[in-house]
């Protein structure tokens, strides 16, 4: 999978606001990974979304944070 993108990186790539990214990911409309309170994104999934391949409803993946 490689490195994950932050909200700011996704917003820059899609040319939208960070709040748009937060709202879409919280609604399950933008594929994301949740690590504790952090939201991260697989670049390949975001590229597919941008090309119209991932615009159907998605579910966030929640990962437990290690202590």
PDB file of N, CA and C in Angstrom:
ATOM      1  N   UNK A   1       0.816  -1.186   0.000  1.00  0.00           N
ATOM      2  CA  UNK A   1       0.000   0.000   0.000  1.00  0.00           C
ATOM      3  C   UNK A   1       0.863   1.254   0.000  1.00  0.00           C
ATOM      4  N   UNK A   2       2.021   1.250   0.582  1.00  0.00           N
ATOM      5  CA  UNK A   2       2.865   2.444   0.624  1.00  0.00           C
ATOM      6  C   UNK A   2       2.390   3.425   1.684  1.00  0.00           C
ATOM      7  N   UNK A   3       2.810   4.672   1.546  1.00  0.00           N
ATOM      8  CA  UNK A   3       2.432   5.665   2.549  1.00  0.00           C
ATOM      9  C   UNK A   3       1.004   6.156   2.312  1.00  0.00           C
ATOM     10  N   UNK A   4       0.369   6.529   3.391  1.00  0.00           N
ATOM     11  CA  UNK A   4      -1.006   7.021   3.331  1.00  0.00           C
ATOM     12  C   UNK A   4      -1.020   8.535   3.254  1.00  0.00           C
ATOM     13  N   UNK A   5      -2.072   9.091   2.665  1.00  0.00           N
ATOM     14  CA  UNK A   5      -2.228  10.538   2.569  1.00  0.00           C
ATOM     15  C   UNK A   5      -2.990  11.078   3.756  1.00  0.00           C
ATOM     16  N   UNK A   6      -2.693  12.314   4.091  1.00  0.00           N
ATOM     17  CA  UNK A   6      -3.422  13.039   5.134  1.00  0.00           C
ATOM     18  C   UNK A   6      -4.623  13.738   4.504  1.00  0.00           C
ATOM     19  N   UNK A   7      -5.459  14.308   5.345  1.00  0.00           N
ATOM     20  CA  UNK A   7      -6.604  15.086   4.877  1.00  0.00           C
ATOM     21  C   UNK A   7      -6.127  16.236   3.989  1.00  0.00           C
ATOM     22  N   UNK A   8      -5.070  16.917   4.401  1.00  0.00           N
ATOM     23  CA  UNK A   8      -4.553  18.044   3.628  1.00  0.00           C
ATOM     24  C   UNK A   8      -4.071  17.594   2.245  1.00  0.00           C
ATOM     25  N   UNK A   9      -3.420  16.446   2.168  1.00  0.00           N
ATOM     26  CA  UNK A   9      -2.931  15.946   0.885  1.00  0.00           C
ATOM     27  C   UNK A   9      -4.087  15.557  -0.044  1.00  0.00           C
ATOM     28  N   UNK A  10      -5.112  14.933   0.529  1.00  0.00           N
ATOM     29  CA  UNK A  10      -6.289  14.575  -0.267  1.00  0.00           C
ATOM     30  C   UNK A  10      -6.995  15.835  -0.761  1.00  0.00           C
ATOM     31  N   UNK A  11      -7.154  16.817   0.121  1.00  0.00           N
ATOM     32  CA  UNK A  11      -7.800  18.078  -0.268  1.00  0.00           C
ATOM     33  C   UNK A  11      -7.037  18.752  -1.404  1.00  0.00           C
ATOM     34  N   UNK A  12      -5.722  18.750  -1.319  1.00  0.00           N
ATOM     35  CA  UNK A  12      -4.908  19.361  -2.372  1.00  0.00           C
ATOM     36  C   UNK A  12      -5.047  18.588  -3.683  1.00  0.00           C
ATOM     37  N   UNK A  13      -5.025  17.268  -3.611  1.00  0.00           N
ATOM     38  CA  UNK A  13      -5.142  16.439  -4.809  1.00  0.00           C
ATOM     39  C   UNK A  13      -6.493  16.635  -5.493  1.00  0.00           C
ATOM     40  N   UNK A  14      -7.572  16.649  -4.694  1.00  0.00           N
ATOM     41  CA  UNK A  14      -8.922  16.787  -5.247  1.00  0.00           C
ATOM     42  C   UNK A  14      -9.324  18.243  -5.486  1.00  0.00           C
ATOM     43  N   UNK A  15      -8.487  19.162  -4.977  1.00  0.00           N
ATOM     44  CA  UNK A  15      -8.763  20.602  -5.087  1.00  0.00           C
ATOM     45  C   UNK A  15     -10.086  20.972  -4.433  1.00  0.00           C
ATOM     46  N   UNK A  16     -10.222  20.502  -3.187  1.00  0.00           N
ATOM     47  CA  UNK A  16     -11.387  20.814  -2.364  1.00  0.00           C
ATOM     48  C   UNK A  16     -10.882  21.254  -0.992  1.00  0.00           C
ATOM     49  N   UNK A  17     -11.790  21.695  -0.139  1.00  0.00           N
ATOM     50  CA  UNK A  17     -11.383  22.112   1.200  1.00  0.00           C
ATOM     51  C   UNK A  17     -11.164  20.892   2.097  1.00  0.00           C
ATOM     52  N   UNK A  18     -10.411  21.099   3.161  1.00  0.00           N
ATOM     53  CA  UNK A  18     -10.193  20.016   4.131  1.00  0.00           C
ATOM     54  C   UNK A  18     -11.513  19.625   4.784  1.00  0.00           C
ATOM     55  N   UNK A  19     -12.388  20.606   5.040  1.00  0.00           N
ATOM     56  CA  UNK A  19     -13.677  20.274   5.665  1.00  0.00           C
ATOM     57  C   UNK A  19     -14.512  19.382   4.743  1.00  0.00           C
ATOM     58  N   UNK A  20     -14.421  19.586   3.424  1.00  0.00           N
ATOM     59  CA  UNK A  20     -15.132  18.736   2.471  1.00  0.00           C
ATOM     60  C   UNK A  20     -14.639  17.295   2.608  1.00  0.00           C
ATOM     61  N   UNK A  21     -13.330  17.128   2.723  1.00  0.00           N
ATOM     62  CA  UNK A  21     -12.746  15.790   2.878  1.00  0.00           C
ATOM     63  C   UNK A  21     -13.225  15.152   4.177  1.00  0.00           C
ATOM     64  N   UNK A  22     -13.194  15.901   5.279  1.00  0.00           N
ATOM     65  CA  UNK A  22     -13.680  15.370   6.557  1.00  0.00           C
ATOM     66  C   UNK A  22     -15.145  14.967   6.475  1.00  0.00           C
ATOM     67  N   UNK A  23     -15.979  15.809   5.894  1.00  0.00           N
ATOM     68  CA  UNK A  23     -17.418  15.527   5.823  1.00  0.00           C
ATOM     69  C   UNK A  23     -17.699  14.310   4.951  1.00  0.00           C
ATOM     70  N   UNK A  24     -17.049  14.231   3.782  1.00  0.00           N
ATOM     71  CA  UNK A  24     -17.265  13.092   2.891  1.00  0.00           C
ATOM     72  C   UNK A  24     -16.781  11.783   3.507  1.00  0.00           C
ATOM     73  N   UNK A  25     -15.634  11.829   4.171  1.00  0.00           N
ATOM     74  CA  UNK A  25     -15.116  10.598   4.779  1.00  0.00           C
ATOM     75  C   UNK A  25     -15.988  10.177   5.963  1.00  0.00           C
ATOM     76  N   UNK A  26     -16.468  11.136   6.758  1.00  0.00           N
ATOM     77  CA  UNK A  26     -17.336  10.817   7.902  1.00  0.00           C
ATOM     78  C   UNK A  26     -18.664  10.232   7.434  1.00  0.00           C
ATOM     79  N   UNK A  27     -19.135  10.667   6.276  1.00  0.00           N
ATOM     80  CA  UNK A  27     -20.399  10.174   5.733  1.00  0.00           C
ATOM     81  C   UNK A  27     -20.236   8.840   5.000  1.00  0.00           C
ATOM     82  N   UNK A  28     -18.996   8.358   4.871  1.00  0.00           N
ATOM     83  CA  UNK A  28     -18.753   7.105   4.168  1.00  0.00           C
ATOM     84  C   UNK A  28     -18.747   7.252   2.666  1.00  0.00           C
ATOM     85  N   UNK A  29     -18.607   8.477   2.168  1.00  0.00           N
ATOM     86  CA  UNK A  29     -18.629   8.737   0.730  1.00  0.00           C
ATOM     87  C   UNK A  29     -17.238   8.838   0.119  1.00  0.00           C
ATOM     88  N   UNK A  30     -16.225   8.896   0.956  1.00  0.00           N
ATOM     89  CA  UNK A  30     -14.840   8.992   0.501  1.00  0.00           C
ATOM     90  C   UNK A  30     -14.063   7.889   1.217  1.00  0.00           C
ATOM     91  N   UNK A  31     -13.417   6.978   0.482  1.00  0.00           N
ATOM     92  CA  UNK A  31     -12.733   5.852   1.128  1.00  0.00           C
ATOM     93  C   UNK A  31     -11.600   6.326   2.038  1.00  0.00           C
ATOM     94  N   UNK A  32     -11.625   5.866   3.275  1.00  0.00           N
ATOM     95  CA  UNK A  32     -10.598   6.286   4.228  1.00  0.00           C
ATOM     96  C   UNK A  32     -10.281   5.175   5.211  1.00  0.00           C
ATOM     97  N   UNK A  33      -9.203   5.382   5.928  1.00  0.00           N
ATOM     98  CA  UNK A  33      -8.794   4.506   7.026  1.00  0.00           C
ATOM     99  C   UNK A  33      -8.777   5.352   8.280  1.00  0.00           C
ATOM    100  N   UNK A  34      -9.289   4.830   9.351  1.00  0.00           N
ATOM    101  CA  UNK A  34      -9.256   5.556  10.619  1.00  0.00           C
ATOM    102  C   UNK A  34      -8.298   4.828  11.557  1.00  0.00           C
ATOM    103  N   UNK A  35      -7.338   5.571  12.061  1.00  0.00           N
ATOM    104  CA  UNK A  35      -6.363   5.049  13.018  1.00  0.00           C
ATOM    105  C   UNK A  35      -6.553   5.874  14.280  1.00  0.00           C
ATOM    106  N   UNK A  36      -7.301   5.319  15.225  1.00  0.00           N
ATOM    107  CA  UNK A  36      -7.671   6.110  16.401  1.00  0.00           C
ATOM    108  C   UNK A  36      -8.499   7.297  15.948  1.00  0.00           C
ATOM    109  N   UNK A  37      -8.073   8.500  16.288  1.00  0.00           N
ATOM    110  CA  UNK A  37      -8.774   9.720  15.888  1.00  0.00           C
ATOM    111  C   UNK A  37      -8.280  10.257  14.547  1.00  0.00           C
ATOM    112  N   UNK A  38      -7.247   9.642  13.987  1.00  0.00           N
ATOM    113  CA  UNK A  38      -6.675  10.117  12.720  1.00  0.00           C
ATOM    114  C   UNK A  38      -7.423   9.540  11.531  1.00  0.00           C
ATOM    115  N   UNK A  39      -7.489  10.309  10.469  1.00  0.00           N
ATOM    116  CA  UNK A  39      -8.084   9.845   9.214  1.00  0.00           C
ATOM    117  C   UNK A  39      -6.966   9.845   8.176  1.00  0.00           C
ATOM    118  N   UNK A  40      -6.769   8.716   7.528  1.00  0.00           N
ATOM    119  CA  UNK A  40      -5.749   8.589   6.496  1.00  0.00           C
ATOM    120  C   UNK A  40      -6.378   7.963   5.261  1.00  0.00           C
ATOM    121  N   UNK A  41      -5.718   8.138   4.119  1.00  0.00           N
ATOM    122  CA  UNK A  41      -6.291   7.737   2.848  1.00  0.00           C
ATOM    123  C   UNK A  41      -5.283   6.979   2.008  1.00  0.00           C
ATOM    124  N   UNK A  42      -5.754   5.924   1.349  1.00  0.00           N
ATOM    125  CA  UNK A  42      -4.937   5.172   0.402  1.00  0.00           C
ATOM    126  C   UNK A  42      -4.916   5.971  -0.901  1.00  0.00           C
ATOM    127  N   UNK A  43      -3.738   6.405  -1.352  1.00  0.00           N
ATOM    128  CA  UNK A  43      -3.663   7.210  -2.581  1.00  0.00           C
ATOM    129  C   UNK A  43      -4.340   6.550  -3.789  1.00  0.00           C
ATOM    130  N   UNK A  44      -4.202   5.229  -3.933  1.00  0.00           N
ATOM    131  CA  UNK A  44      -4.824   4.541  -5.067  1.00  0.00           C
ATOM    132  C   UNK A  44      -6.345   4.622  -5.000  1.00  0.00           C
ATOM    133  N   UNK A  45      -6.908   4.516  -3.799  1.00  0.00           N
ATOM    134  CA  UNK A  45      -8.355   4.613  -3.640  1.00  0.00           C
ATOM    135  C   UNK A  45      -8.843   6.027  -3.945  1.00  0.00           C
ATOM    136  N   UNK A  46      -8.067   7.028  -3.562  1.00  0.00           N
ATOM    137  CA  UNK A  46      -8.441   8.417  -3.845  1.00  0.00           C
ATOM    138  C   UNK A  46      -8.338   8.696  -5.343  1.00  0.00           C
ATOM    139  N   UNK A  47      -7.323   8.175  -5.987  1.00  0.00           N
ATOM    140  CA  UNK A  47      -7.202   8.353  -7.444  1.00  0.00           C
ATOM    141  C   UNK A  47      -8.387   7.707  -8.163  1.00  0.00           C
ATOM    142  N   UNK A  48      -8.781   6.502  -7.716  1.00  0.00           N
ATOM    143  CA  UNK A  48      -9.939   5.823  -8.303  1.00  0.00           C
ATOM    144  C   UNK A  48     -11.208   6.631  -8.067  1.00  0.00           C
ATOM    145  N   UNK A  49     -11.362   7.165  -6.874  1.00  0.00           N
ATOM    146  CA  UNK A  49     -12.513   8.007  -6.557  1.00  0.00           C
ATOM    147  C   UNK A  49     -12.557   9.211  -7.494  1.00  0.00           C
ATOM    148  N   UNK A  50     -11.411   9.843  -7.697  1.00  0.00           N
ATOM    149  CA  UNK A  50     -11.335  11.031  -8.551  1.00  0.00           C
ATOM    150  C   UNK A  50     -11.682  10.703 -10.007  1.00  0.00           C
ATOM    151  N   UNK A  51     -11.448   9.476 -10.408  1.00  0.00           N
ATOM    152  CA  UNK A  51     -11.764   9.059 -11.777  1.00  0.00           C
ATOM    153  C   UNK A  51     -13.184   8.512 -11.895  1.00  0.00           C
ATOM    154  N   UNK A  52     -13.948   8.615 -10.802  1.00  0.00           N
ATOM    155  CA  UNK A  52     -15.336   8.180 -10.843  1.00  0.00           C
ATOM    156  C   UNK A  52     -15.550   6.718 -10.580  1.00  0.00           C
ATOM    157  N   UNK A  53     -14.506   6.009 -10.173  1.00  0.00           N
ATOM    158  CA  UNK A  53     -14.630   4.575  -9.944  1.00  0.00           C
ATOM    159  C   UNK A  53     -15.035   4.237  -8.521  1.00  0.00           C
ATOM    160  N   UNK A  54     -14.954   5.189  -7.605  1.00  0.00           N
ATOM    161  CA  UNK A  54     -15.250   4.874  -6.211  1.00  0.00           C
ATOM    162  C   UNK A  54     -16.275   5.806  -5.608  1.00  0.00           C
ATOM    163  N   UNK A  55     -17.187   6.336  -6.414  1.00  0.00           N
ATOM    164  CA  UNK A  55     -18.114   7.322  -5.887  1.00  0.00           C
ATOM    165  C   UNK A  55     -19.367   6.723  -5.273  1.00  0.00           C
ATOM    166  N   UNK A  56     -19.507   5.411  -5.329  1.00  0.00           N
ATOM    167  CA  UNK A  56     -20.605   4.822  -4.598  1.00  0.00           C
ATOM    168  C   UNK A  56     -20.260   4.831  -3.110  1.00  0.00           C
ATOM    169  N   UNK A  57     -21.243   4.593  -2.284  1.00  0.00           N
ATOM    170  CA  UNK A  57     -21.026   4.670  -0.839  1.00  0.00           C
ATOM    171  C   UNK A  57     -19.963   3.666  -0.417  1.00  0.00           C
ATOM    172  N   UNK A  58     -19.039   4.109   0.441  1.00  0.00           N
ATOM    173  CA  UNK A  58     -17.979   3.247   0.945  1.00  0.00           C
ATOM    174  C   UNK A  58     -18.048   3.218   2.466  1.00  0.00           C
ATOM    175  N   UNK A  59     -17.383   2.254   3.050  1.00  0.00           N
ATOM    176  CA  UNK A  59     -17.298   2.167   4.503  1.00  0.00           C
ATOM    177  C   UNK A  59     -15.882   2.454   4.936  1.00  0.00           C
ATOM    178  N   UNK A  60     -15.735   3.199   5.999  1.00  0.00           N
ATOM    179  CA  UNK A  60     -14.414   3.485   6.546  1.00  0.00           C
ATOM    180  C   UNK A  60     -13.906   2.229   7.244  1.00  0.00           C
ATOM    181  N   UNK A  61     -12.602   2.041   7.198  1.00  0.00           N
ATOM    182  CA  UNK A  61     -11.949   0.971   7.926  1.00  0.00           C
ATOM    183  C   UNK A  61     -11.387   1.567   9.193  1.00  0.00           C
ATOM    184  N   UNK A  62     -11.723   0.987  10.336  1.00  0.00           N
ATOM    185  CA  UNK A  62     -11.267   1.522  11.613  1.00  0.00           C
ATOM    186  C   UNK A  62     -10.175   0.610  12.165  1.00  0.00           C
ATOM    187  N   UNK A  63      -9.013   1.175  12.409  1.00  0.00           N
ATOM    188  CA  UNK A  63      -7.887   0.423  12.962  1.00  0.00           C
ATOM    189  C   UNK A  63      -7.665   0.867  14.401  1.00  0.00           C
ATOM    190  N   UNK A  64      -7.473  -0.079  15.285  1.00  0.00           N
ATOM    191  CA  UNK A  64      -7.208   0.247  16.680  1.00  0.00           C
ATOM    192  C   UNK A  64      -5.802   0.800  16.817  1.00  0.00           C
ATOM    193  N   UNK A  65      -5.644   1.865  17.578  1.00  0.00           N
ATOM    194  CA  UNK A  65      -4.333   2.450  17.811  1.00  0.00           C
ATOM    195  C   UNK A  65      -3.576   1.585  18.813  1.00  0.00           C
ATOM    196  N   UNK A  66      -2.268   1.421  18.578  1.00  0.00           N
ATOM    197  CA  UNK A  66      -1.427   0.683  19.520  1.00  0.00           C
ATOM    198  C   UNK A  66      -1.016   1.597  20.651  1.00  0.00           C
ATOM    199  N   UNK A  67      -0.992   1.064  21.826  1.00  0.00           N
ATOM    200  CA  UNK A  67      -0.548   1.845  22.993  1.00  0.00           C
ATOM    201  C   UNK A  67       0.944   1.779  23.140  1.00  0.00           C
TER     202      UNK A  67
END
